[in-house]
């Protein structure tokens, strides 16, 4: 089950999620994932410190996904899709959709 998170409420919702997995796509179509600490620009866009591979992938394919895992297996994950652009040596992600995703663990 997924619950929509309105984009204006995303920063408050992520207060308990200090890091995420960033997923980009390589030129060969392979996913590339990276654990990243997250911050916010003053306007609410996400700010990520990434390496060369993620930055190169975003240069060609700016659509990204961020998966914020919960602290335990009983809480919701937050999944954010967005458009990424380089910004002052970091990556800027403008969220386009965000959902809380219920764990399917038993």
PDB file of N, CA and C in Angstrom:
ATOM      1  N   UNK A   1       0.836  -1.172   0.000  1.00  0.00           N
ATOM      2  CA  UNK A   1       0.000   0.000   0.000  1.00  0.00           C
ATOM      3  C   UNK A   1       0.885   1.241   0.000  1.00  0.00           C
ATOM      4  N   UNK A   2       0.520   2.224  -0.804  1.00  0.00           N
ATOM      5  CA  UNK A   2       1.257   3.478  -0.869  1.00  0.00           C
ATOM      6  C   UNK A   2       0.337   4.642  -0.549  1.00  0.00           C
ATOM      7  N   UNK A   3       0.906   5.636   0.116  1.00  0.00           N
ATOM      8  CA  UNK A   3       0.159   6.843   0.481  1.00  0.00           C
ATOM      9  C   UNK A   3       0.895   8.037  -0.122  1.00  0.00           C
ATOM     10  N   UNK A   4       0.191   8.826  -0.916  1.00  0.00           N
ATOM     11  CA  UNK A   4       0.798  10.013  -1.529  1.00  0.00           C
ATOM     12  C   UNK A   4       1.272  10.992  -0.462  1.00  0.00           C
ATOM     13  N   UNK A   5       2.418  11.600  -0.710  1.00  0.00           N
ATOM     14  CA  UNK A   5       2.932  12.675   0.138  1.00  0.00           C
ATOM     15  C   UNK A   5       2.929  13.936  -0.716  1.00  0.00           C
ATOM     16  N   UNK A   6       2.161  14.950  -0.358  1.00  0.00           N
ATOM     17  CA  UNK A   6       2.195  16.190  -1.127  1.00  0.00           C
ATOM     18  C   UNK A   6       3.606  16.788  -1.104  1.00  0.00           C
ATOM     19  N   UNK A   7       4.079  17.225  -2.239  1.00  0.00           N
ATOM     20  CA  UNK A   7       5.449  17.753  -2.350  1.00  0.00           C
ATOM     21  C   UNK A   7       5.700  18.880  -1.335  1.00  0.00           C
ATOM     22  N   UNK A   8       4.761  19.804  -1.105  1.00  0.00           N
ATOM     23  CA  UNK A   8       5.034  20.850  -0.100  1.00  0.00           C
ATOM     24  C   UNK A   8       5.248  20.299   1.319  1.00  0.00           C
ATOM     25  N   UNK A   9       4.815  19.076   1.590  1.00  0.00           N
ATOM     26  CA  UNK A   9       4.985  18.471   2.914  1.00  0.00           C
ATOM     27  C   UNK A   9       6.188  17.535   3.001  1.00  0.00           C
ATOM     28  N   UNK A  10       6.917  17.391   1.899  1.00  0.00           N
ATOM     29  CA  UNK A  10       7.995  16.404   1.838  1.00  0.00           C
ATOM     30  C   UNK A  10       9.124  16.696   2.827  1.00  0.00           C
ATOM     31  N   UNK A  11       9.569  17.923   2.912  1.00  0.00           N
ATOM     32  CA  UNK A  11      10.683  18.232   3.807  1.00  0.00           C
ATOM     33  C   UNK A  11      10.339  17.872   5.251  1.00  0.00           C
ATOM     34  N   UNK A  12       9.145  18.183   5.698  1.00  0.00           N
ATOM     35  CA  UNK A  12       8.732  17.829   7.065  1.00  0.00           C
ATOM     36  C   UNK A  12       8.649  16.314   7.219  1.00  0.00           C
ATOM     37  N   UNK A  13       8.146  15.628   6.214  1.00  0.00           N
ATOM     38  CA  UNK A  13       8.008  14.165   6.284  1.00  0.00           C
ATOM     39  C   UNK A  13       9.380  13.499   6.378  1.00  0.00           C
ATOM     40  N   UNK A  14      10.396  14.068   5.740  1.00  0.00           N
ATOM     41  CA  UNK A  14      11.729  13.461   5.721  1.00  0.00           C
ATOM     42  C   UNK A  14      12.575  13.811   6.946  1.00  0.00           C
ATOM     43  N   UNK A  15      12.020  14.508   7.898  1.00  0.00           N
ATOM     44  CA  UNK A  15      12.778  14.881   9.101  1.00  0.00           C
ATOM     45  C   UNK A  15      13.335  13.658   9.830  1.00  0.00           C
ATOM     46  N   UNK A  16      12.637  12.539   9.762  1.00  0.00           N
ATOM     47  CA  UNK A  16      13.092  11.315  10.434  1.00  0.00           C
ATOM     48  C   UNK A  16      13.854  10.373   9.497  1.00  0.00           C
ATOM     49  N   UNK A  17      14.174  10.831   8.301  1.00  0.00           N
ATOM     50  CA  UNK A  17      14.876  10.013   7.308  1.00  0.00           C
ATOM     51  C   UNK A  17      16.125  10.783   6.850  1.00  0.00           C
ATOM     52  N   UNK A  18      17.246  10.653   7.549  1.00  0.00           N
ATOM     53  CA  UNK A  18      18.420  11.477   7.259  1.00  0.00           C
ATOM     54  C   UNK A  18      19.234  11.055   6.032  1.00  0.00           C
ATOM     55  N   UNK A  19      18.922   9.887   5.470  1.00  0.00           N
ATOM     56  CA  UNK A  19      19.690   9.439   4.308  1.00  0.00           C
ATOM     57  C   UNK A  19      18.792   8.620   3.393  1.00  0.00           C
ATOM     58  N   UNK A  20      19.294   8.416   2.162  1.00  0.00           N
ATOM     59  CA  UNK A  20      18.516   7.687   1.170  1.00  0.00           C
ATOM     60  C   UNK A  20      19.445   6.933   0.230  1.00  0.00           C
ATOM     61  N   UNK A  21      18.866   6.018  -0.522  1.00  0.00           N
ATOM     62  CA  UNK A  21      19.543   5.422  -1.665  1.00  0.00           C
ATOM     63  C   UNK A  21      19.124   6.231  -2.886  1.00  0.00           C
ATOM     64  N   UNK A  22      20.098   6.774  -3.606  1.00  0.00           N
ATOM     65  CA  UNK A  22      19.852   7.459  -4.867  1.00  0.00           C
ATOM     66  C   UNK A  22      20.012   6.444  -5.981  1.00  0.00           C
ATOM     67  N   UNK A  23      19.039   6.357  -6.876  1.00  0.00           N
ATOM     68  CA  UNK A  23      19.118   5.444  -8.014  1.00  0.00           C
ATOM     69  C   UNK A  23      19.120   6.274  -9.291  1.00  0.00           C
ATOM     70  N   UNK A  24      20.210   6.122 -10.074  1.00  0.00           N
ATOM     71  CA  UNK A  24      20.331   6.727 -11.392  1.00  0.00           C
ATOM     72  C   UNK A  24      20.476   5.599 -12.402  1.00  0.00           C
ATOM     73  N   UNK A  25      20.515   5.943 -13.682  1.00  0.00           N
ATOM     74  CA  UNK A  25      20.624   4.931 -14.735  1.00  0.00           C
ATOM     75  C   UNK A  25      21.812   5.251 -15.625  1.00  0.00           C
ATOM     76  N   UNK A  26      22.638   4.227 -15.887  1.00  0.00           N
ATOM     77  CA  UNK A  26      23.837   4.391 -16.719  1.00  0.00           C
ATOM     78  C   UNK A  26      23.471   4.447 -18.198  1.00  0.00           C
ATOM     79  N   UNK A  27      24.459   4.760 -19.025  1.00  0.00           N
ATOM     80  CA  UNK A  27      24.259   4.790 -20.478  1.00  0.00           C
ATOM     81  C   UNK A  27      23.848   3.430 -21.019  1.00  0.00           C
ATOM     82  N   UNK A  28      24.245   2.363 -20.330  1.00  0.00           N
ATOM     83  CA  UNK A  28      23.890   1.007 -20.745  1.00  0.00           C
ATOM     84  C   UNK A  28      22.525   0.575 -20.211  1.00  0.00           C
ATOM     85  N   UNK A  29      21.866   1.447 -19.467  1.00  0.00           N
ATOM     86  CA  UNK A  29      20.559   1.131 -18.918  1.00  0.00           C
ATOM     87  C   UNK A  29      20.605   0.410 -17.588  1.00  0.00           C
ATOM     88  N   UNK A  30      21.770   0.347 -16.975  1.00  0.00           N
ATOM     89  CA  UNK A  30      21.903  -0.320 -15.679  1.00  0.00           C
ATOM     90  C   UNK A  30      21.635   0.660 -14.540  1.00  0.00           C
ATOM     91  N   UNK A  31      20.936   0.208 -13.507  1.00  0.00           N
ATOM     92  CA  UNK A  31      20.743   1.091 -12.351  1.00  0.00           C
ATOM     93  C   UNK A  31      22.041   1.247 -11.576  1.00  0.00           C
ATOM     94  N   UNK A  32      22.237   2.416 -11.034  1.00  0.00           N
ATOM     95  CA  UNK A  32      23.397   2.715 -10.182  1.00  0.00           C
ATOM     96  C   UNK A  32      22.829   3.278  -8.890  1.00  0.00           C
ATOM     97  N   UNK A  33      23.131   2.638  -7.767  1.00  0.00           N
ATOM     98  CA  UNK A  33      22.612   3.121  -6.483  1.00  0.00           C
ATOM     99  C   UNK A  33      23.753   3.586  -5.599  1.00  0.00           C
ATOM    100  N   UNK A  34      23.435   4.565  -4.773  1.00  0.00           N
ATOM    101  CA  UNK A  34      24.413   5.193  -3.902  1.00  0.00           C
ATOM    102  C   UNK A  34      23.699   5.659  -2.641  1.00  0.00           C
ATOM    103  N   UNK A  35      24.246   5.324  -1.489  1.00  0.00           N
ATOM    104  CA  UNK A  35      23.702   5.836  -0.232  1.00  0.00           C
ATOM    105  C   UNK A  35      24.184   7.273  -0.050  1.00  0.00           C
ATOM    106  N   UNK A  36      23.244   8.181   0.205  1.00  0.00           N
ATOM    107  CA  UNK A  36      23.581   9.599   0.314  1.00  0.00           C
ATOM    108  C   UNK A  36      22.887  10.233   1.521  1.00  0.00           C
ATOM    109  N   UNK A  37      23.602  11.137   2.170  1.00  0.00           N
ATOM    110  CA  UNK A  37      22.970  11.988   3.174  1.00  0.00           C
ATOM    111  C   UNK A  37      22.166  13.038   2.421  1.00  0.00           C
ATOM    112  N   UNK A  38      21.063  13.460   2.987  1.00  0.00           N
ATOM    113  CA  UNK A  38      20.232  14.440   2.290  1.00  0.00           C
ATOM    114  C   UNK A  38      20.124  15.723   3.092  1.00  0.00           C
ATOM    115  N   UNK A  39      20.096  16.807   2.357  1.00  0.00           N
ATOM    116  CA  UNK A  39      19.896  18.147   2.897  1.00  0.00           C
ATOM    117  C   UNK A  39      18.864  18.812   1.999  1.00  0.00           C
ATOM    118  N   UNK A  40      18.507  20.039   2.313  1.00  0.00           N
ATOM    119  CA  UNK A  40      17.561  20.763   1.477  1.00  0.00           C
ATOM    120  C   UNK A  40      18.112  22.123   1.113  1.00  0.00           C
ATOM    121  N   UNK A  41      17.837  22.541  -0.130  1.00  0.00           N
ATOM    122  CA  UNK A  41      18.078  23.916  -0.529  1.00  0.00           C
ATOM    123  C   UNK A  41      16.998  24.769   0.140  1.00  0.00           C
ATOM    124  N   UNK A  42      17.215  26.078   0.265  1.00  0.00           N
ATOM    125  CA  UNK A  42      16.202  26.930   0.893  1.00  0.00           C
ATOM    126  C   UNK A  42      14.809  26.844   0.245  1.00  0.00           C
ATOM    127  N   UNK A  43      14.762  26.539  -1.059  1.00  0.00           N
ATOM    128  CA  UNK A  43      13.460  26.465  -1.749  1.00  0.00           C
ATOM    129  C   UNK A  43      12.791  25.095  -1.613  1.00  0.00           C
ATOM    130  N   UNK A  44      13.401  24.161  -0.870  1.00  0.00           N
ATOM    131  CA  UNK A  44      12.792  22.855  -0.648  1.00  0.00           C
ATOM    132  C   UNK A  44      13.282  21.735  -1.532  1.00  0.00           C
ATOM    133  N   UNK A  45      14.108  22.042  -2.526  1.00  0.00           N
ATOM    134  CA  UNK A  45      14.689  20.976  -3.355  1.00  0.00           C
ATOM    135  C   UNK A  45      15.719  20.211  -2.525  1.00  0.00           C
ATOM    136  N   UNK A  46      15.869  18.941  -2.807  1.00  0.00           N
ATOM    137  CA  UNK A  46      16.854  18.117  -2.097  1.00  0.00           C
ATOM    138  C   UNK A  46      18.258  18.398  -2.612  1.00  0.00           C
ATOM    139  N   UNK A  47      19.212  18.403  -1.699  1.00  0.00           N
ATOM    140  CA  UNK A  47      20.626  18.602  -2.039  1.00  0.00           C
ATOM    141  C   UNK A  47      21.373  17.339  -1.638  1.00  0.00           C
ATOM    142  N   UNK A  48      22.108  16.763  -2.606  1.00  0.00           N
ATOM    143  CA  UNK A  48      22.838  15.515  -2.375  1.00  0.00           C
ATOM    144  C   UNK A  48      24.294  15.688  -2.772  1.00  0.00           C
ATOM    145  N   UNK A  49      25.196  15.133  -1.979  1.00  0.00           N
ATOM    146  CA  UNK A  49      26.611  15.080  -2.321  1.00  0.00           C
ATOM    147  C   UNK A  49      26.834  13.732  -3.010  1.00  0.00           C
ATOM    148  N   UNK A  50      27.205  13.756  -4.293  1.00  0.00           N
ATOM    149  CA  UNK A  50      27.341  12.515  -5.063  1.00  0.00           C
ATOM    150  C   UNK A  50      28.705  12.451  -5.730  1.00  0.00           C
ATOM    151  N   UNK A  51      29.009  11.279  -6.277  1.00  0.00           N
ATOM    152  CA  UNK A  51      30.258  11.069  -6.987  1.00  0.00           C
ATOM    153  C   UNK A  51      30.121  11.281  -8.489  1.00  0.00           C
ATOM    154  N   UNK A  52      31.224  10.991  -9.184  1.00  0.00           N
ATOM    155  CA  UNK A  52      31.275  11.215 -10.635  1.00  0.00           C
ATOM    156  C   UNK A  52      30.272  10.375 -11.416  1.00  0.00           C
ATOM    157  N   UNK A  53      30.095   9.115 -11.002  1.00  0.00           N
ATOM    158  CA  UNK A  53      29.197   8.237 -11.761  1.00  0.00           C
ATOM    159  C   UNK A  53      27.762   8.735 -11.703  1.00  0.00           C
ATOM    160  N   UNK A  54      27.286   9.050 -10.517  1.00  0.00           N
ATOM    161  CA  UNK A  54      25.917   9.569 -10.389  1.00  0.00           C
ATOM    162  C   UNK A  54      25.759  10.872 -11.152  1.00  0.00           C
ATOM    163  N   UNK A  55      26.748  11.751 -11.047  1.00  0.00           N
ATOM    164  CA  UNK A  55      26.670  13.039 -11.728  1.00  0.00           C
ATOM    165  C   UNK A  55      26.645  12.843 -13.250  1.00  0.00           C
ATOM    166  N   UNK A  56      27.463  11.922 -13.756  1.00  0.00           N
ATOM    167  CA  UNK A  56      27.472  11.654 -15.203  1.00  0.00           C
ATOM    168  C   UNK A  56      26.138  11.063 -15.648  1.00  0.00           C
ATOM    169  N   UNK A  57      25.600  10.135 -14.873  1.00  0.00           N
ATOM    170  CA  UNK A  57      24.315   9.537 -15.233  1.00  0.00           C
ATOM    171  C   UNK A  57      23.217  10.593 -15.314  1.00  0.00           C
ATOM    172  N   UNK A  58      23.190  11.482 -14.353  1.00  0.00           N
ATOM    173  CA  UNK A  58      22.173  12.531 -14.321  1.00  0.00           C
ATOM    174  C   UNK A  58      22.337  13.501 -15.488  1.00  0.00           C
ATOM    175  N   UNK A  59      23.572  13.699 -15.926  1.00  0.00           N
ATOM    176  CA  UNK A  59      23.805  14.576 -17.071  1.00  0.00           C
ATOM    177  C   UNK A  59      23.118  14.077 -18.332  1.00  0.00           C
ATOM    178  N   UNK A  60      22.963  12.769 -18.449  1.00  0.00           N
ATOM    179  CA  UNK A  60      22.316  12.162 -19.624  1.00  0.00           C
ATOM    180  C   UNK A  60      20.864  11.785 -19.366  1.00  0.00           C
ATOM    181  N   UNK A  61      20.564  11.381 -18.149  1.00  0.00           N
ATOM    182  CA  UNK A  61      19.217  10.916 -17.779  1.00  0.00           C
ATOM    183  C   UNK A  61      18.868  11.513 -16.422  1.00  0.00           C
ATOM    184  N   UNK A  62      18.200  12.665 -16.401  1.00  0.00           N
ATOM    185  CA  UNK A  62      17.984  13.387 -15.144  1.00  0.00           C
ATOM    186  C   UNK A  62      16.911  12.805 -14.221  1.00  0.00           C
ATOM    187  N   UNK A  63      16.152  11.821 -14.701  1.00  0.00           N
ATOM    188  CA  UNK A  63      15.134  11.219 -13.839  1.00  0.00           C
ATOM    189  C   UNK A  63      15.807  10.318 -12.810  1.00  0.00           C
ATOM    190  N   UNK A  64      15.500  10.531 -11.530  1.00  0.00           N
ATOM    191  CA  UNK A  64      16.108   9.751 -10.447  1.00  0.00           C
ATOM    192  C   UNK A  64      15.031   9.291  -9.472  1.00  0.00           C
ATOM    193  N   UNK A  65      15.407   8.309  -8.667  1.00  0.00           N
ATOM    194  CA  UNK A  65      14.557   7.858  -7.571  1.00  0.00           C
ATOM    195  C   UNK A  65      15.383   7.874  -6.301  1.00  0.00           C
ATOM    196  N   UNK A  66      14.761   8.306  -5.224  1.00  0.00           N
ATOM    197  CA  UNK A  66      15.363   8.263  -3.897  1.00  0.00           C
ATOM    198  C   UNK A  66      14.509   7.353  -3.033  1.00  0.00           C
ATOM    199  N   UNK A  67      15.149   6.402  -2.382  1.00  0.00           N
ATOM    200  CA  UNK A  67      14.453   5.509  -1.460  1.00  0.00           C
ATOM    201  C   UNK A  67      14.986   5.776  -0.060  1.00  0.00           C
ATOM    202  N   UNK A  68      14.109   6.273   0.809  1.00  0.00           N
ATOM    203  CA  UNK A  68      14.450   6.556   2.199  1.00  0.00           C
ATOM    204  C   UNK A  68      13.957   5.382   3.034  1.00  0.00           C
ATOM    205  N   UNK A  69      14.872   4.521   3.506  1.00  0.00           N
ATOM    206  CA  UNK A  69      14.429   3.369   4.287  1.00  0.00           C
ATOM    207  C   UNK A  69      14.049   3.778   5.707  1.00  0.00           C
ATOM    208  N   UNK A  70      13.142   3.017   6.318  1.00  0.00           N
ATOM    209  CA  UNK A  70      12.767   3.322   7.694  1.00  0.00           C
ATOM    210  C   UNK A  70      13.803   2.789   8.673  1.00  0.00           C
ATOM    211  N   UNK A  71      13.700   3.242   9.902  1.00  0.00           N
ATOM    212  CA  UNK A  71      14.617   2.770  10.951  1.00  0.00           C
ATOM    213  C   UNK A  71      14.353   1.316  11.315  1.00  0.00           C
ATOM    214  N   UNK A  72      13.112   0.865  11.115  1.00  0.00           N
ATOM    215  CA  UNK A  72      12.787  -0.533  11.406  1.00  0.00           C
ATOM    216  C   UNK A  72      11.942  -1.100  10.270  1.00  0.00           C
ATOM    217  N   UNK A  73      11.759  -2.403  10.279  1.00  0.00           N
ATOM    218  CA  UNK A  73      10.989  -3.061   9.231  1.00  0.00           C
ATOM    219  C   UNK A  73       9.492  -2.917   9.378  1.00  0.00           C
ATOM    220  N   UNK A  74       9.038  -2.192  10.387  1.00  0.00           N
ATOM    221  CA  UNK A  74       7.599  -2.035  10.589  1.00  0.00           C
ATOM    222  C   UNK A  74       7.103  -0.645  10.191  1.00  0.00           C
ATOM    223  N   UNK A  75       8.006   0.244   9.825  1.00  0.00           N
ATOM    224  CA  UNK A  75       7.631   1.608   9.456  1.00  0.00           C
ATOM    225  C   UNK A  75       7.593   1.748   7.937  1.00  0.00           C
ATOM    226  N   UNK A  76       7.044   2.854   7.482  1.00  0.00           N
ATOM    227  CA  UNK A  76       6.964   3.129   6.050  1.00  0.00           C
ATOM    228  C   UNK A  76       8.303   3.617   5.507  1.00  0.00           C
ATOM    229  N   UNK A  77       8.608   3.241   4.264  1.00  0.00           N
ATOM    230  CA  UNK A  77       9.690   3.850   3.501  1.00  0.00           C
ATOM    231  C   UNK A  77       9.104   5.067   2.794  1.00  0.00           C
ATOM    232  N   UNK A  78       9.952   5.975   2.386  1.00  0.00           N
ATOM    233  CA  UNK A  78       9.527   7.098   1.555  1.00  0.00           C
ATOM    234  C   UNK A  78      10.236   6.938   0.214  1.00  0.00           C
ATOM    235  N   UNK A  79       9.465   6.943  -0.857  1.00  0.00           N
ATOM    236  CA  UNK A  79      10.012   6.832  -2.207  1.00  0.00           C
ATOM    237  C   UNK A  79       9.717   8.140  -2.929  1.00  0.00           C
ATOM    238  N   UNK A  80      10.782   8.765  -3.445  1.00  0.00           N
ATOM    239  CA  UNK A  80      10.658  10.053  -4.117  1.00  0.00           C
ATOM    240  C   UNK A  80      11.200   9.917  -5.530  1.00  0.00           C
ATOM    241  N   UNK A  81      10.416  10.320  -6.518  1.00  0.00           N
ATOM    242  CA  UNK A  81      10.888  10.433  -7.894  1.00  0.00           C
ATOM    243  C   UNK A  81      11.108  11.905  -8.170  1.00  0.00           C
ATOM    244  N   UNK A  82      12.121  12.203  -8.975  1.00  0.00           N
ATOM    245  CA  UNK A  82      12.386  13.602  -9.259  1.00  0.00           C
ATOM    246  C   UNK A  82      13.300  13.807 -10.442  1.00  0.00           C
ATOM    247  N   UNK A  83      13.558  15.064 -10.723  1.00  0.00           N
ATOM    248  CA  UNK A  83      14.467  15.471 -11.792  1.00  0.00           C
ATOM    249  C   UNK A  83      15.689  16.097 -11.150  1.00  0.00           C
ATOM    250  N   UNK A  84      16.856  15.610 -11.555  1.00  0.00           N
ATOM    251  CA  UNK A  84      18.110  16.044 -10.940  1.00  0.00           C
ATOM    252  C   UNK A  84      18.926  16.908 -11.891  1.00  0.00           C
ATOM    253  N   UNK A  85      19.596  17.897 -11.323  1.00  0.00           N
ATOM    254  CA  UNK A  85      20.510  18.752 -12.079  1.00  0.00           C
ATOM    255  C   UNK A  85      21.717  19.062 -11.199  1.00  0.00           C
ATOM    256  N   UNK A  86      22.895  19.262 -11.813  1.00  0.00           N
ATOM    257  CA  UNK A  86      24.059  19.675 -11.035  1.00  0.00           C
ATOM    258  C   UNK A  86      23.826  21.069 -10.450  1.00  0.00           C
ATOM    259  N   UNK A  87      24.346  21.287  -9.238  1.00  0.00           N
ATOM    260  CA  UNK A  87      24.204  22.586  -8.577  1.00  0.00           C
ATOM    261  C   UNK A  87      25.368  22.802  -7.628  1.00  0.00           C
ATOM    262  N   UNK A  88      26.291  23.672  -7.990  1.00  0.00           N
ATOM    263  CA  UNK A  88      27.417  24.021  -7.118  1.00  0.00           C
ATOM    264  C   UNK A  88      28.197  22.795  -6.655  1.00  0.00           C
ATOM    265  N   UNK A  89      28.447  21.843  -7.534  1.00  0.00           N
ATOM    266  CA  UNK A  89      29.213  20.651  -7.201  1.00  0.00           C
ATOM    267  C   UNK A  89      28.395  19.545  -6.564  1.00  0.00           C
ATOM    268  N   UNK A  90      27.148  19.816  -6.243  1.00  0.00           N
ATOM    269  CA  UNK A  90      26.246  18.821  -5.672  1.00  0.00           C
ATOM    270  C   UNK A  90      25.158  18.503  -6.680  1.00  0.00           C
ATOM    271  N   UNK A  91      24.215  17.695  -6.243  1.00  0.00           N
ATOM    272  CA  UNK A  91      23.081  17.350  -7.076  1.00  0.00           C
ATOM    273  C   UNK A  91      21.839  17.960  -6.465  1.00  0.00           C
ATOM    274  N   UNK A  92      21.047  18.594  -7.287  1.00  0.00           N
ATOM    275  CA  UNK A  92      19.779  19.200  -6.871  1.00  0.00           C
ATOM    276  C   UNK A  92      18.660  18.328  -7.420  1.00  0.00           C
ATOM    277  N   UNK A  93      17.754  17.882  -6.558  1.00  0.00           N
ATOM    278  CA  UNK A  93      16.645  17.037  -6.992  1.00  0.00           C
ATOM    279  C   UNK A  93      15.331  17.743  -6.687  1.00  0.00           C
ATOM    280  N   UNK A  94      14.601  18.030  -7.742  1.00  0.00           N
ATOM    281  CA  UNK A  94      13.254  18.584  -7.622  1.00  0.00           C
ATOM    282  C   UNK A  94      12.297  17.399  -7.589  1.00  0.00           C
ATOM    283  N   UNK A  95      11.649  17.163  -6.474  1.00  0.00           N
ATOM    284  CA  UNK A  95      10.721  16.046  -6.346  1.00  0.00           C
ATOM    285  C   UNK A  95       9.517  16.259  -7.252  1.00  0.00           C
ATOM    286  N   UNK A  96       9.109  15.193  -7.952  1.00  0.00           N
ATOM    287  CA  UNK A  96       7.905  15.250  -8.784  1.00  0.00           C
ATOM    288  C   UNK A  96       6.778  14.440  -8.157  1.00  0.00           C
ATOM    289  N   UNK A  97       7.118  13.331  -7.497  1.00  0.00           N
ATOM    290  CA  UNK A  97       6.137  12.539  -6.760  1.00  0.00           C
ATOM    291  C   UNK A  97       6.815  11.960  -5.521  1.00  0.00           C
ATOM    292  N   UNK A  98       6.014  11.703  -4.506  1.00  0.00           N
ATOM    293  CA  UNK A  98       6.536  11.089  -3.287  1.00  0.00           C
ATOM    294  C   UNK A  98       5.422  10.246  -2.662  1.00  0.00           C
ATOM    295  N   UNK A  99       5.811   9.081  -2.152  1.00  0.00           N
ATOM    296  CA  UNK A  99       4.847   8.197  -1.498  1.00  0.00           C
ATOM    297  C   UNK A  99       5.470   7.564  -0.264  1.00  0.00           C
ATOM    298  N   UNK A 100       4.611   7.284   0.700  1.00  0.00           N
ATOM    299  CA  UNK A 100       4.972   6.413   1.821  1.00  0.00           C
ATOM    300  C   UNK A 100       4.640   5.007   1.355  1.00  0.00           C
ATOM    301  N   UNK A 101       5.574   4.095   1.548  1.00  0.00           N
ATOM    302  CA  UNK A 101       5.357   2.729   1.077  1.00  0.00           C
ATOM    303  C   UNK A 101       5.426   1.770   2.255  1.00  0.00           C
ATOM    304  N   UNK A 102       4.368   1.034   2.449  1.00  0.00           N
ATOM    305  CA  UNK A 102       4.256   0.094   3.568  1.00  0.00           C
ATOM    306  C   UNK A 102       5.180  -1.098   3.368  1.00  0.00           C
ATOM    307  N   UNK A 103       5.829  -1.554   4.425  1.00  0.00           N
ATOM    308  CA  UNK A 103       6.699  -2.733   4.289  1.00  0.00           C
ATOM    309  C   UNK A 103       5.859  -3.993   4.061  1.00  0.00           C
ATOM    310  N   UNK A 104       6.429  -4.913   3.291  1.00  0.00           N
ATOM    311  CA  UNK A 104       5.755  -6.173   3.017  1.00  0.00           C
ATOM    312  C   UNK A 104       6.431  -7.312   3.791  1.00  0.00           C
ATOM    313  N   UNK A 105       7.152  -6.954   4.838  1.00  0.00           N
ATOM    314  CA  UNK A 105       7.845  -7.956   5.642  1.00  0.00           C
ATOM    315  C   UNK A 105       6.845  -8.727   6.494  1.00  0.00           C
ATOM    316  N   UNK A 106       7.155  -9.971   6.735  1.00  0.00           N
ATOM    317  CA  UNK A 106       6.280 -10.792   7.587  1.00  0.00           C
ATOM    318  C   UNK A 106       7.049 -11.241   8.793  1.00  0.00           C
TER     319      UNK A 106
END
